[in-house]
Each structure stands twice: as structure tokens, then as C-alpha cells.
Protein backbone atom coordinates (compact mmCIF):
# COMPACT_ATOMS: atom_id res chain seq x y z
CA MET A 1 102.84 110.14 119.18
CA THR A 2 101.44 107.22 121.20
CA ASP A 3 103.29 103.92 121.50
CA TRP A 4 100.60 101.54 120.21
CA LEU A 5 102.76 98.39 120.36
CA PRO A 6 101.59 97.15 123.81
CA ARG A 7 97.92 97.57 122.87
CA GLN A 8 98.45 95.88 119.49
CA LEU A 9 100.15 92.91 121.15
CA GLU A 10 97.30 92.70 123.67
CA ILE A 11 94.70 92.61 120.88
CA CYS A 12 96.59 89.84 119.06
CA GLU A 13 96.91 87.80 122.25
CA ARG A 14 93.24 88.26 123.16
CA TYR A 15 92.03 86.94 119.79
CA GLY A 16 94.77 84.36 119.16
CA ALA A 17 96.11 86.23 116.15
CA SER A 18 99.67 86.33 114.90
CA PHE A 19 101.36 89.71 115.26
CA LEU A 20 102.62 91.50 112.17
CA PRO A 21 103.35 95.18 112.81
CA SER A 22 102.38 97.94 110.40
CA SER A 23 104.75 100.88 110.25
CA ASP A 24 106.06 103.69 108.10
CA PRO A 25 106.73 103.92 105.25
CA GLU A 26 103.89 101.42 104.65
CA LYS A 27 100.49 102.69 103.58
CA VAL A 28 96.89 101.78 104.33
CA GLY A 29 93.89 102.11 102.06
CA ILE A 30 91.50 104.42 103.85
CA ALA A 31 88.05 105.61 102.81
CA ARG A 32 86.95 109.19 103.24
CA ASN A 33 83.99 107.97 105.32
CA THR A 34 85.98 106.76 108.35
CA THR A 35 84.03 109.18 110.54
CA LEU A 36 80.95 106.96 110.06
CA ARG A 37 80.30 104.07 112.40
CA PRO A 38 80.97 101.26 112.62
CA LEU A 39 84.66 101.47 111.77
CA ASN A 40 85.72 98.47 109.68
CA GLY A 41 89.17 97.15 108.92
CA LEU A 42 90.53 94.18 107.03
CA ARG A 43 94.04 93.08 106.18
CA HIS A 44 95.34 91.45 103.04
CA PRO A 45 98.98 90.32 102.76
CA PRO A 46 101.33 93.34 102.48
CA GLU A 47 102.77 94.09 99.05
CA SER A 48 104.45 96.91 97.15
CA GLY A 49 104.83 99.25 100.13
CA THR A 50 101.37 98.67 101.55
CA SER A 51 100.50 97.21 104.95
CA GLY A 52 97.56 95.30 103.48
CA TRP A 53 95.08 97.25 105.64
CA TYR A 54 91.84 98.75 104.29
CA LEU A 55 89.73 100.94 106.59
CA TRP A 56 86.24 102.39 106.10
CA GLY A 57 83.27 103.62 108.09
CA GLY A 58 79.63 102.63 107.84
CA ARG A 59 77.82 99.45 106.91
CA GLU A 60 78.58 99.45 103.17
CA LEU A 61 81.87 98.63 101.48
CA SER A 62 81.88 100.37 98.11
CA GLN A 63 83.33 98.63 95.07
CA SER A 64 84.15 101.99 93.49
CA PRO A 65 87.81 102.11 92.37
CA ASP A 66 88.31 105.47 94.10
CA PHE A 67 86.70 104.49 97.43
CA PHE A 68 90.09 104.05 99.14
CA GLN A 69 92.98 106.52 99.26
CA ALA A 70 96.56 105.65 100.19
CA LEU A 71 97.73 107.03 103.52
CA HIS A 72 101.06 106.52 105.29
CA ILE A 73 100.81 104.75 108.65
CA SER A 74 102.40 107.80 110.33
CA HIS A 75 99.32 109.90 109.48
CA LEU A 76 96.79 107.33 110.63
CA GLU A 77 96.95 108.21 114.32
CA GLU A 78 95.68 111.70 113.49
CA THR A 79 93.21 110.60 110.81
CA CYS A 80 91.74 107.45 112.36
CA PRO A 81 93.12 106.76 115.87
CA MET A 82 90.41 104.18 116.58
CA ALA A 83 92.13 101.80 114.11
CA MET A 84 95.58 101.98 115.73
CA PRO A 85 95.16 99.18 118.32
CA PHE A 86 94.28 96.69 115.58
CA LEU A 87 97.14 97.32 113.16
CA GLY A 88 99.25 94.49 114.57
CA LEU A 89 96.76 91.84 113.46
CA ALA A 90 98.27 89.64 110.75
CA PRO A 91 96.85 89.32 107.23
CA GLY A 92 93.52 87.52 107.15
CA TRP A 93 92.07 89.39 110.14
CA ARG A 94 89.17 91.84 110.30
CA PHE A 95 87.80 94.15 112.94
CA LEU A 96 84.66 96.19 113.51
CA VAL A 97 84.32 98.87 116.20
CA ASP A 98 81.02 100.55 117.04
CA GLY A 99 81.04 102.32 120.39
CA ASP A 100 81.65 99.67 123.04
CA GLN A 101 81.12 96.83 120.56
CA VAL A 102 84.38 95.37 119.26
CA ASP A 103 84.47 92.35 116.96
CA VAL A 104 87.70 90.78 115.70
CA TRP A 105 87.73 87.67 113.52
CA PHE A 106 89.80 85.71 111.03
CA ASP A 107 88.62 85.63 107.40
CA PRO A 108 90.72 83.24 105.27
CA THR A 109 89.32 84.70 102.03
CA LEU A 110 91.48 87.80 102.69
CA LEU A 111 94.56 85.69 102.02
CA GLN A 112 93.39 85.13 98.44
CA THR A 113 94.51 87.81 96.00
CA GLY A 114 92.07 90.28 94.49
CA ILE A 115 89.36 90.09 97.17
CA ARG A 116 88.36 92.98 99.46
């Protein structure tokens, strides 16, 4: 298993984000379509054993209640390694990765409850 901490700290420093690690036994919400590009991620405040992260692939974010599945952080490196460097970003942050294009930005609406 890779030590992602140095890369996560680097990402936070580069974008001026606070660092809040994600680790087991926390879970992420992950869509089955994470093989599609671009890879998208957003983070709400953690609660009830979740990290607050939601990950999906492609241009569309479905509103279907079964779009996301729960996955423990420990399985994410195998399932979606491209997301690992970003998991230290604090709640309110988003990322998009598409080949060499990487966008990271703060979205204050993610700090409101009930919004994806």
C-alpha cells in the first residue's frame, strides 16, 4: 500500500486548502462509473463514519439515490487510485482529473447540508 500522505499534503499546500485526512474505517461514496473520465470528487463535512467524499466519473452527476455506493477508504487505492492524492482536501473542496488536466477548487455550497 502506498503512503499517500506526502502527496496529499502537497496538493493541499499547492491549492491553499486545509488538510483533513481521510482514513479507515471511514467510507467514501463512489459511483460505479469511476472508470469514465473526467474523474470528479467533492467533499462534504464528515459524519456518521463517512469521510464526506463522493467520487464519480464522466460529465454527469446523477441524482439517482443508488448512484453512489459506500466503500471503505482502504479499498479505494485498488478501486480508484487516481483519487488518492486528493483525499486530504478539507470539506468544501472539489477536484476534477482528466488526463493531464487537474482542477481543484473550493465550493462553499458543499458545507451546507443536503447538497451534492
